[in-house]
């Protein structure tokens, strides 16, 4: 879908979409890597849950990782072709907005399935969006309806996050210093690690990929929020995570526009393409 998230790599997707560069090679690398990055981040939830019990159950974490990867591969590879075949039949049902209703059922159903196998519900809803993206290709009505639901529910998610933040923690100078250090490290590690992995593409493209991966967002916040609820992350550290998330979200866009400026000029007035399954997956994860 064209409307990207206001957090995480969705910020990068929105900037690249506005520049008409979502189909550029580096853009595809960024969005593809973001999916893997988010799924790996969600696996941290298993570690946090084990910490809450007083120790890490390595067998449980390993089993959860295998199940999560298998579940992801199955839905991502098998889901799109099946839904593409079923789409015409679903749309012909004698029910108003039949495919939109089916989309919500699938989103919530995969979220429950993800919880059942021991991983976060957000993985299931994320994959539902990716699978449905191809099936709804060209169906702008379904996409607008889905966008309306997400735009309605996202503020509740953000309000819930804000209500758990104790702003008094920022009165501590050490917390402010830690916020700055963590933010700088968050930017530097993404630039260096992701950029180094793409070094063979050239310096500029390596910098594009590194900066495109800088924004953190809802996955990190969800992990921190659950850690706070379980009592394994203190209020000060939760505040640091939120500060870093907002900061990296604001830092990336201007640098992305500068780094991609030459590609934008070469494209001329080409309109922005659709972000496809990745952005759609992000939007469906917001519904849950």
C-alpha atoms as a PDB file:
ATOM      1  CA  UNK A   1       0.000   0.000   0.000  1.00  0.00           C
ATOM      2  CA  UNK A   2       1.137   3.519  -0.633  1.00  0.00           C
ATOM      3  CA  UNK A   3       0.656   4.787   2.905  1.00  0.00           C
ATOM      4  CA  UNK A   4       3.671   3.736   4.923  1.00  0.00           C
ATOM      5  CA  UNK A   5       4.005   3.622   8.651  1.00  0.00           C
ATOM      6  CA  UNK A   6       5.019   6.693  10.607  1.00  0.00           C
ATOM      7  CA  UNK A   7       7.582   4.564  12.393  1.00  0.00           C
ATOM      8  CA  UNK A   8      10.325   2.055  11.582  1.00  0.00           C
ATOM      9  CA  UNK A   9      11.474   1.580   7.998  1.00  0.00           C
ATOM     10  CA  UNK A  10       8.064   2.823   6.863  1.00  0.00           C
ATOM     11  CA  UNK A  11       9.582   6.305   7.139  1.00  0.00           C
ATOM     12  CA  UNK A  12      12.202   5.247   4.607  1.00  0.00           C
ATOM     13  CA  UNK A  13       9.481   3.754   2.388  1.00  0.00           C
ATOM     14  CA  UNK A  14       7.481   6.986   2.510  1.00  0.00           C
ATOM     15  CA  UNK A  15      10.507   9.107   1.549  1.00  0.00           C
ATOM     16  CA  UNK A  16      11.470   6.792  -1.304  1.00  0.00           C
ATOM     17  CA  UNK A  17       7.857   6.578  -2.486  1.00  0.00           C
ATOM     18  CA  UNK A  18       7.594  10.372  -2.618  1.00  0.00           C
ATOM     19  CA  UNK A  19      10.772  10.421  -4.719  1.00  0.00           C
ATOM     20  CA  UNK A  20       9.485   7.669  -7.028  1.00  0.00           C
ATOM     21  CA  UNK A  21      12.337   5.352  -6.088  1.00  0.00           C
ATOM     22  CA  UNK A  22      10.679   2.406  -4.370  1.00  0.00           C
ATOM     23  CA  UNK A  23      11.621   0.159  -7.285  1.00  0.00           C
ATOM     24  CA  UNK A  24      15.302   1.171  -7.205  1.00  0.00           C
ATOM     25  CA  UNK A  25      17.735  -1.692  -6.384  1.00  0.00           C
ATOM     26  CA  UNK A  26      18.849  -0.191  -3.081  1.00  0.00           C
ATOM     27  CA  UNK A  27      15.239   0.501  -2.090  1.00  0.00           C
ATOM     28  CA  UNK A  28      14.315  -3.145  -2.597  1.00  0.00           C
ATOM     29  CA  UNK A  29      17.314  -4.218  -0.522  1.00  0.00           C
ATOM     30  CA  UNK A  30      16.313  -1.863   2.308  1.00  0.00           C
ATOM     31  CA  UNK A  31      12.683  -2.996   2.384  1.00  0.00           C
ATOM     32  CA  UNK A  32      13.599  -6.677   2.107  1.00  0.00           C
ATOM     33  CA  UNK A  33      16.206  -6.429   4.863  1.00  0.00           C
ATOM     34  CA  UNK A  34      13.692  -4.570   7.024  1.00  0.00           C
ATOM     35  CA  UNK A  35      11.367  -7.594   7.008  1.00  0.00           C
ATOM     36  CA  UNK A  36      14.133  -9.881   8.243  1.00  0.00           C
ATOM     37  CA  UNK A  37      15.252  -7.247  10.751  1.00  0.00           C
ATOM     38  CA  UNK A  38      11.751  -6.932  12.201  1.00  0.00           C
ATOM     39  CA  UNK A  39      11.241 -10.689  12.485  1.00  0.00           C
ATOM     40  CA  UNK A  40      14.583 -11.126  14.244  1.00  0.00           C
ATOM     41  CA  UNK A  41      13.656  -8.284  16.574  1.00  0.00           C
ATOM     42  CA  UNK A  42      10.394 -10.001  17.419  1.00  0.00           C
ATOM     43  CA  UNK A  43      12.291 -13.151  18.384  1.00  0.00           C
ATOM     44  CA  UNK A  44      13.867 -11.103  21.163  1.00  0.00           C
ATOM     45  CA  UNK A  45      10.451 -11.279  22.822  1.00  0.00           C
ATOM     46  CA  UNK A  46      11.140 -14.947  23.608  1.00  0.00           C
ATOM     47  CA  UNK A  47      14.364 -13.968  25.368  1.00  0.00           C
ATOM     48  CA  UNK A  48      12.583 -11.281  27.369  1.00  0.00           C
ATOM     49  CA  UNK A  49       9.907 -13.746  28.436  1.00  0.00           C
ATOM     50  CA  UNK A  50      12.592 -16.177  29.610  1.00  0.00           C
ATOM     51  CA  UNK A  51      14.352 -13.401  31.526  1.00  0.00           C
ATOM     52  CA  UNK A  52      11.096 -12.650  33.316  1.00  0.00           C
ATOM     53  CA  UNK A  53      11.149 -16.228  34.623  1.00  0.00           C
ATOM     54  CA  UNK A  54      14.653 -15.656  36.006  1.00  0.00           C
ATOM     55  CA  UNK A  55      16.717 -17.450  33.360  1.00  0.00           C
ATOM     56  CA  UNK A  56      16.954 -17.990  29.613  1.00  0.00           C
ATOM     57  CA  UNK A  57      15.564 -21.262  28.328  1.00  0.00           C
ATOM     58  CA  UNK A  58      17.799 -21.771  25.295  1.00  0.00           C
ATOM     59  CA  UNK A  59      15.808 -24.766  24.074  1.00  0.00           C
ATOM     60  CA  UNK A  60      12.589 -22.756  24.145  1.00  0.00           C
ATOM     61  CA  UNK A  61      14.227 -19.816  22.381  1.00  0.00           C
ATOM     62  CA  UNK A  62      15.671 -22.123  19.695  1.00  0.00           C
ATOM     63  CA  UNK A  63      12.358 -23.897  19.164  1.00  0.00           C
ATOM     64  CA  UNK A  64      10.566 -20.552  18.935  1.00  0.00           C
ATOM     65  CA  UNK A  65      13.071 -19.311  16.355  1.00  0.00           C
ATOM     66  CA  UNK A  66      12.604 -22.425  14.184  1.00  0.00           C
ATOM     67  CA  UNK A  67       8.808 -22.202  14.409  1.00  0.00           C
ATOM     68  CA  UNK A  68       8.849 -18.486  13.620  1.00  0.00           C
ATOM     69  CA  UNK A  69      11.070 -18.956  10.573  1.00  0.00           C
ATOM     70  CA  UNK A  70       9.002 -21.899   9.349  1.00  0.00           C
ATOM     71  CA  UNK A  71       5.747 -20.037   9.871  1.00  0.00           C
ATOM     72  CA  UNK A  72       7.139 -16.984   8.073  1.00  0.00           C
ATOM     73  CA  UNK A  73       8.452 -18.984   5.117  1.00  0.00           C
ATOM     74  CA  UNK A  74       5.194 -20.926   4.744  1.00  0.00           C
ATOM     75  CA  UNK A  75       2.908 -17.884   4.774  1.00  0.00           C
ATOM     76  CA  UNK A  76       5.222 -15.724   2.649  1.00  0.00           C
ATOM     77  CA  UNK A  77       5.748 -18.364  -0.054  1.00  0.00           C
ATOM     78  CA  UNK A  78       2.429 -20.230  -0.097  1.00  0.00           C
ATOM     79  CA  UNK A  79       0.041 -17.465   0.943  1.00  0.00           C
ATOM     80  CA  UNK A  80       0.252 -15.023  -2.006  1.00  0.00           C
ATOM     81  CA  UNK A  81      -0.463 -17.526  -4.830  1.00  0.00           C
ATOM     82  CA  UNK A  82      -3.344 -19.111  -2.903  1.00  0.00           C
ATOM     83  CA  UNK A  83      -4.940 -15.758  -2.091  1.00  0.00           C
ATOM     84  CA  UNK A  84      -4.476 -14.559  -5.655  1.00  0.00           C
ATOM     85  CA  UNK A  85      -6.523 -17.534  -6.885  1.00  0.00           C
ATOM     86  CA  UNK A  86      -9.172 -17.130  -4.182  1.00  0.00           C
ATOM     87  CA  UNK A  87      -9.540 -13.346  -4.562  1.00  0.00           C
ATOM     88  CA  UNK A  88     -12.131 -13.397  -7.407  1.00  0.00           C
ATOM     89  CA  UNK A  89     -14.316 -15.917  -5.551  1.00  0.00           C
ATOM     90  CA  UNK A  90     -14.151 -13.940  -2.312  1.00  0.00           C
ATOM     91  CA  UNK A  91     -15.059 -10.699  -4.090  1.00  0.00           C
ATOM     92  CA  UNK A  92     -18.097 -12.411  -5.702  1.00  0.00           C
ATOM     93  CA  UNK A  93     -19.593 -13.433  -2.355  1.00  0.00           C
ATOM     94  CA  UNK A  94     -22.999 -11.902  -1.607  1.00  0.00           C
ATOM     95  CA  UNK A  95     -21.568  -9.914   1.279  1.00  0.00           C
ATOM     96  CA  UNK A  96     -20.776  -6.220   1.309  1.00  0.00           C
ATOM     97  CA  UNK A  97     -17.036  -5.475   1.260  1.00  0.00           C
ATOM     98  CA  UNK A  98     -16.370  -9.215   1.295  1.00  0.00           C
ATOM     99  CA  UNK A  99     -12.632  -9.042   0.633  1.00  0.00           C
ATOM    100  CA  UNK A 100     -12.090  -6.369   3.266  1.00  0.00           C
ATOM    101  CA  UNK A 101     -13.888  -8.538   5.838  1.00  0.00           C
ATOM    102  CA  UNK A 102     -11.851 -11.550   4.736  1.00  0.00           C
ATOM    103  CA  UNK A 103      -8.660  -9.486   5.099  1.00  0.00           C
ATOM    104  CA  UNK A 104      -9.459  -8.629   8.713  1.00  0.00           C
ATOM    105  CA  UNK A 105     -10.334 -12.264   9.498  1.00  0.00           C
ATOM    106  CA  UNK A 106      -7.068 -13.458   7.957  1.00  0.00           C
ATOM    107  CA  UNK A 107      -5.092 -10.795   9.804  1.00  0.00           C
ATOM    108  CA  UNK A 108      -6.534 -11.714  13.182  1.00  0.00           C
ATOM    109  CA  UNK A 109      -6.435 -15.442  12.387  1.00  0.00           C
ATOM    110  CA  UNK A 110      -2.729 -15.435  11.558  1.00  0.00           C
ATOM    111  CA  UNK A 111      -2.088 -13.304  14.640  1.00  0.00           C
ATOM    112  CA  UNK A 112      -3.758 -15.981  16.783  1.00  0.00           C
ATOM    113  CA  UNK A 113      -1.819 -18.711  14.963  1.00  0.00           C
ATOM    114  CA  UNK A 114       1.434 -16.877  15.657  1.00  0.00           C
ATOM    115  CA  UNK A 115       0.573 -16.627  19.344  1.00  0.00           C
ATOM    116  CA  UNK A 116      -0.327 -20.321  19.395  1.00  0.00           C
ATOM    117  CA  UNK A 117       3.094 -21.422  18.114  1.00  0.00           C
ATOM    118  CA  UNK A 118       4.784 -19.168  20.654  1.00  0.00           C
ATOM    119  CA  UNK A 119       5.755 -16.041  18.694  1.00  0.00           C
ATOM    120  CA  UNK A 120       4.401 -12.507  18.748  1.00  0.00           C
ATOM    121  CA  UNK A 121       0.998 -11.844  17.188  1.00  0.00           C
ATOM    122  CA  UNK A 122       2.499  -8.988  15.200  1.00  0.00           C
ATOM    123  CA  UNK A 123       4.380 -11.538  13.053  1.00  0.00           C
ATOM    124  CA  UNK A 124       1.122 -13.142  11.937  1.00  0.00           C
ATOM    125  CA  UNK A 125      -0.592  -9.860  11.119  1.00  0.00           C
ATOM    126  CA  UNK A 126       2.531  -8.626   9.336  1.00  0.00           C
ATOM    127  CA  UNK A 127       2.600 -11.720   7.120  1.00  0.00           C
ATOM    128  CA  UNK A 128      -1.130 -11.407   6.446  1.00  0.00           C
ATOM    129  CA  UNK A 129      -0.532  -7.977   4.961  1.00  0.00           C
ATOM    130  CA  UNK A 130       2.295  -9.243   2.782  1.00  0.00           C
ATOM    131  CA  UNK A 131       0.210 -12.156   1.487  1.00  0.00           C
ATOM    132  CA  UNK A 132      -2.813  -9.953   0.825  1.00  0.00           C
ATOM    133  CA  UNK A 133      -0.791  -7.302  -1.004  1.00  0.00           C
ATOM    134  CA  UNK A 134      -0.606  -9.331  -4.215  1.00  0.00           C
ATOM    135  CA  UNK A 135      -4.201 -10.508  -3.986  1.00  0.00           C
ATOM    136  CA  UNK A 136      -5.443  -6.902  -3.679  1.00  0.00           C
ATOM    137  CA  UNK A 137      -3.167  -5.551  -6.416  1.00  0.00           C
ATOM    138  CA  UNK A 138      -5.157  -2.874  -8.201  1.00  0.00           C
ATOM    139  CA  UNK A 139      -8.052  -3.017  -5.714  1.00  0.00           C
ATOM    140  CA  UNK A 140      -7.792   0.509  -4.368  1.00  0.00           C
ATOM    141  CA  UNK A 141     -11.135   0.258  -2.524  1.00  0.00           C
ATOM    142  CA  UNK A 142      -9.861  -2.522  -0.248  1.00  0.00           C
ATOM    143  CA  UNK A 143      -6.634  -0.622   0.272  1.00  0.00           C
ATOM    144  CA  UNK A 144      -8.409   2.581   1.256  1.00  0.00           C
ATOM    145  CA  UNK A 145     -10.645   0.667   3.677  1.00  0.00           C
ATOM    146  CA  UNK A 146      -7.634  -0.983   5.287  1.00  0.00           C
ATOM    147  CA  UNK A 147      -5.837   2.347   5.494  1.00  0.00           C
ATOM    148  CA  UNK A 148      -8.852   3.848   7.261  1.00  0.00           C
ATOM    149  CA  UNK A 149      -8.819   1.131   9.919  1.00  0.00           C
ATOM    150  CA  UNK A 150      -5.103   1.519  10.561  1.00  0.00           C
ATOM    151  CA  UNK A 151      -5.311   5.306  10.739  1.00  0.00           C
ATOM    152  CA  UNK A 152      -8.077   4.936  13.337  1.00  0.00           C
ATOM    153  CA  UNK A 153      -6.286   2.380  15.517  1.00  0.00           C
ATOM    154  CA  UNK A 154      -2.690   3.648  15.431  1.00  0.00           C
ATOM    155  CA  UNK A 155      -3.348   6.616  17.792  1.00  0.00           C
ATOM    156  CA  UNK A 156      -4.560   4.170  20.458  1.00  0.00           C
ATOM    157  CA  UNK A 157      -1.294   2.241  20.126  1.00  0.00           C
ATOM    158  CA  UNK A 158       0.728   5.438  20.464  1.00  0.00           C
ATOM    159  CA  UNK A 159      -1.348   6.690  23.397  1.00  0.00           C
ATOM    160  CA  UNK A 160      -0.808   3.401  25.205  1.00  0.00           C
ATOM    161  CA  UNK A 161       2.943   3.739  24.694  1.00  0.00           C
ATOM    162  CA  UNK A 162       2.954   7.320  25.960  1.00  0.00           C
ATOM    163  CA  UNK A 163       0.895   6.497  29.038  1.00  0.00           C
ATOM    164  CA  UNK A 164       3.541   3.988  30.129  1.00  0.00           C
ATOM    165  CA  UNK A 165       6.344   6.558  29.884  1.00  0.00           C
ATOM    166  CA  UNK A 166       7.311   8.392  33.052  1.00  0.00           C
ATOM    167  CA  UNK A 167       8.621  11.741  31.810  1.00  0.00           C
ATOM    168  CA  UNK A 168      10.311  12.352  35.157  1.00  0.00           C
ATOM    169  CA  UNK A 169      13.094   9.973  34.079  1.00  0.00           C
ATOM    170  CA  UNK A 170      14.391  12.689  31.743  1.00  0.00           C
ATOM    171  CA  UNK A 171      15.168  14.920  34.713  1.00  0.00           C
ATOM    172  CA  UNK A 172      18.128  12.662  35.372  1.00  0.00           C
ATOM    173  CA  UNK A 173      21.222  13.921  33.535  1.00  0.00           C
ATOM    174  CA  UNK A 174      22.577  10.393  33.222  1.00  0.00           C
ATOM    175  CA  UNK A 175      19.420   9.323  31.364  1.00  0.00           C
ATOM    176  CA  UNK A 176      19.754  12.210  28.915  1.00  0.00           C
ATOM    177  CA  UNK A 177      23.397  11.297  28.328  1.00  0.00           C
ATOM    178  CA  UNK A 178      22.453   7.648  27.798  1.00  0.00           C
ATOM    179  CA  UNK A 179      19.744   8.700  25.306  1.00  0.00           C
ATOM    180  CA  UNK A 180      22.300  10.604  23.242  1.00  0.00           C
ATOM    181  CA  UNK A 181      24.861   7.781  23.355  1.00  0.00           C
ATOM    182  CA  UNK A 182      22.317   5.091  22.430  1.00  0.00           C
ATOM    183  CA  UNK A 183      20.955   7.205  19.567  1.00  0.00           C
ATOM    184  CA  UNK A 184      24.438   7.835  18.166  1.00  0.00           C
ATOM    185  CA  UNK A 185      25.243   4.128  18.439  1.00  0.00           C
ATOM    186  CA  UNK A 186      21.924   3.213  16.807  1.00  0.00           C
ATOM    187  CA  UNK A 187      22.740   5.409  13.807  1.00  0.00           C
ATOM    188  CA  UNK A 188      26.423   4.444  13.597  1.00  0.00           C
ATOM    189  CA  UNK A 189      25.879   0.680  13.844  1.00  0.00           C
ATOM    190  CA  UNK A 190      23.242   0.660  11.101  1.00  0.00           C
ATOM    191  CA  UNK A 191      25.379   2.825   8.835  1.00  0.00           C
ATOM    192  CA  UNK A 192      28.528   0.792   9.383  1.00  0.00           C
ATOM    193  CA  UNK A 193      27.075  -2.732   9.467  1.00  0.00           C
ATOM    194  CA  UNK A 194      24.453  -2.381   6.720  1.00  0.00           C
ATOM    195  CA  UNK A 195      26.708  -0.172   4.639  1.00  0.00           C
ATOM    196  CA  UNK A 196      29.621  -2.619   4.929  1.00  0.00           C
ATOM    197  CA  UNK A 197      27.415  -5.486   3.764  1.00  0.00           C
ATOM    198  CA  UNK A 198      26.614  -3.497   0.609  1.00  0.00           C
ATOM    199  CA  UNK A 199      30.131  -2.174   0.063  1.00  0.00           C
ATOM    200  CA  UNK A 200      30.456  -3.970  -3.292  1.00  0.00           C
ATOM    201  CA  UNK A 201      27.624  -1.785  -4.630  1.00  0.00           C
ATOM    202  CA  UNK A 202      29.707   1.359  -4.221  1.00  0.00           C
ATOM    203  CA  UNK A 203      30.104   3.956  -1.481  1.00  0.00           C
ATOM    204  CA  UNK A 204      26.962   5.960  -2.267  1.00  0.00           C
ATOM    205  CA  UNK A 205      24.650   2.957  -2.486  1.00  0.00           C
ATOM    206  CA  UNK A 206      26.175   1.484   0.668  1.00  0.00           C
ATOM    207  CA  UNK A 207      25.421   4.773   2.430  1.00  0.00           C
ATOM    208  CA  UNK A 208      21.866   4.713   1.036  1.00  0.00           C
ATOM    209  CA  UNK A 209      21.221   1.253   2.438  1.00  0.00           C
ATOM    210  CA  UNK A 210      22.835   2.073   5.769  1.00  0.00           C
ATOM    211  CA  UNK A 211      20.818   5.262   6.240  1.00  0.00           C
ATOM    212  CA  UNK A 212      17.645   3.589   4.985  1.00  0.00           C
ATOM    213  CA  UNK A 213      17.910   1.044   7.789  1.00  0.00           C
ATOM    214  CA  UNK A 214      18.517   3.646  10.507  1.00  0.00           C
ATOM    215  CA  UNK A 215      14.877   4.357  11.562  1.00  0.00           C
ATOM    216  CA  UNK A 216      13.735   2.121  14.404  1.00  0.00           C
ATOM    217  CA  UNK A 217      10.111   1.838  15.339  1.00  0.00           C
ATOM    218  CA  UNK A 218       7.152  -0.217  16.423  1.00  0.00           C
ATOM    219  CA  UNK A 219       8.960  -3.553  16.774  1.00  0.00           C
ATOM    220  CA  UNK A 220      11.551  -2.142  19.152  1.00  0.00           C
ATOM    221  CA  UNK A 221       8.842  -0.300  21.045  1.00  0.00           C
ATOM    222  CA  UNK A 222       6.723  -3.455  21.354  1.00  0.00           C
ATOM    223  CA  UNK A 223       9.703  -5.396  22.730  1.00  0.00           C
ATOM    224  CA  UNK A 224      10.491  -2.606  25.214  1.00  0.00           C
ATOM    225  CA  UNK A 225       6.829  -2.308  26.197  1.00  0.00           C
ATOM    226  CA  UNK A 226       6.524  -6.020  26.937  1.00  0.00           C
ATOM    227  CA  UNK A 227       9.821  -5.912  28.836  1.00  0.00           C
ATOM    228  CA  UNK A 228       8.482  -3.027  30.934  1.00  0.00           C
ATOM    229  CA  UNK A 229       5.258  -4.920  31.635  1.00  0.00           C
ATOM    230  CA  UNK A 230       7.203  -8.027  32.680  1.00  0.00           C
ATOM    231  CA  UNK A 231       9.442  -5.957  34.920  1.00  0.00           C
ATOM    232  CA  UNK A 232      12.717  -6.835  33.164  1.00  0.00           C
ATOM    233  CA  UNK A 233      13.189  -3.333  31.708  1.00  0.00           C
ATOM    234  CA  UNK A 234      13.187  -0.357  34.105  1.00  0.00           C
ATOM    235  CA  UNK A 235      11.266   2.843  33.405  1.00  0.00           C
ATOM    236  CA  UNK A 236      14.478   4.756  32.628  1.00  0.00           C
ATOM    237  CA  UNK A 237      15.559   2.281  29.946  1.00  0.00           C
ATOM    238  CA  UNK A 238      12.057   2.339  28.446  1.00  0.00           C
ATOM    239  CA  UNK A 239      12.354   6.114  28.145  1.00  0.00           C
ATOM    240  CA  UNK A 240      15.744   5.742  26.458  1.00  0.00           C
ATOM    241  CA  UNK A 241      14.290   3.337  23.869  1.00  0.00           C
ATOM    242  CA  UNK A 242      11.435   5.719  23.047  1.00  0.00           C
ATOM    243  CA  UNK A 243      13.842   8.657  22.728  1.00  0.00           C
ATOM    244  CA  UNK A 244      16.094   6.686  20.385  1.00  0.00           C
ATOM    245  CA  UNK A 245      13.111   5.569  18.290  1.00  0.00           C
ATOM    246  CA  UNK A 246      11.833   9.112  17.762  1.00  0.00           C
ATOM    247  CA  UNK A 247      15.320  10.494  17.132  1.00  0.00           C
ATOM    248  CA  UNK A 248      16.262   7.927  14.477  1.00  0.00           C
ATOM    249  CA  UNK A 249      12.895   8.447  12.793  1.00  0.00           C
ATOM    250  CA  UNK A 250      13.594  12.188  12.475  1.00  0.00           C
ATOM    251  CA  UNK A 251      17.261  11.880  11.522  1.00  0.00           C
ATOM    252  CA  UNK A 252      16.925   9.614   8.470  1.00  0.00           C
ATOM    253  CA  UNK A 253      14.612  11.485   6.014  1.00  0.00           C
ATOM    254  CA  UNK A 254      16.797  14.533   5.204  1.00  0.00           C
ATOM    255  CA  UNK A 255      19.878  12.357   4.675  1.00  0.00           C
ATOM    256  CA  UNK A 256      17.873   9.931   2.515  1.00  0.00           C
ATOM    257  CA  UNK A 257      16.709  12.746   0.249  1.00  0.00           C
ATOM    258  CA  UNK A 258      20.290  13.925  -0.139  1.00  0.00           C
ATOM    259  CA  UNK A 259      21.705  10.443  -0.774  1.00  0.00           C
ATOM    260  CA  UNK A 260      19.004   9.588  -3.335  1.00  0.00           C
ATOM    261  CA  UNK A 261      18.945  13.027  -4.983  1.00  0.00           C
ATOM    262  CA  UNK A 262      20.935  11.896  -8.039  1.00  0.00           C
ATOM    263  CA  UNK A 263      18.569   8.954  -8.668  1.00  0.00           C
ATOM    264  CA  UNK A 264      15.541  11.233  -8.294  1.00  0.00           C
ATOM    265  CA  UNK A 265      16.950  13.680 -10.816  1.00  0.00           C
ATOM    266  CA  UNK A 266      17.608  10.822 -13.256  1.00  0.00           C
ATOM    267  CA  UNK A 267      14.027   9.557 -12.893  1.00  0.00           C
ATOM    268  CA  UNK A 268      12.511  12.940 -13.682  1.00  0.00           C
ATOM    269  CA  UNK A 269       8.744  13.038 -13.113  1.00  0.00           C
ATOM    270  CA  UNK A 270       8.174   9.287 -12.762  1.00  0.00           C
ATOM    271  CA  UNK A 271       5.385   8.711 -10.259  1.00  0.00           C
ATOM    272  CA  UNK A 272       5.954   6.714  -7.070  1.00  0.00           C
ATOM    273  CA  UNK A 273       5.353   2.970  -7.408  1.00  0.00           C
ATOM    274  CA  UNK A 274       3.501   0.861  -4.906  1.00  0.00           C
ATOM    275  CA  UNK A 275       5.499  -0.326  -1.894  1.00  0.00           C
ATOM    276  CA  UNK A 276       3.862  -3.730  -2.235  1.00  0.00           C
ATOM    277  CA  UNK A 277       3.734  -6.430   0.403  1.00  0.00           C
ATOM    278  CA  UNK A 278       6.273  -4.968   2.823  1.00  0.00           C
ATOM    279  CA  UNK A 279       4.414  -1.742   3.496  1.00  0.00           C
ATOM    280  CA  UNK A 280       1.108  -3.612   3.406  1.00  0.00           C
ATOM    281  CA  UNK A 281       2.450  -5.989   6.020  1.00  0.00           C
ATOM    282  CA  UNK A 282       3.395  -3.054   8.195  1.00  0.00           C
ATOM    283  CA  UNK A 283      -0.096  -1.599   7.932  1.00  0.00           C
ATOM    284  CA  UNK A 284      -1.771  -4.871   8.872  1.00  0.00           C
ATOM    285  CA  UNK A 285       0.551  -5.238  11.864  1.00  0.00           C
ATOM    286  CA  UNK A 286      -0.876  -1.943  13.126  1.00  0.00           C
ATOM    287  CA  UNK A 287      -4.413  -3.350  13.075  1.00  0.00           C
ATOM    288  CA  UNK A 288      -3.417  -5.978  15.672  1.00  0.00           C
END
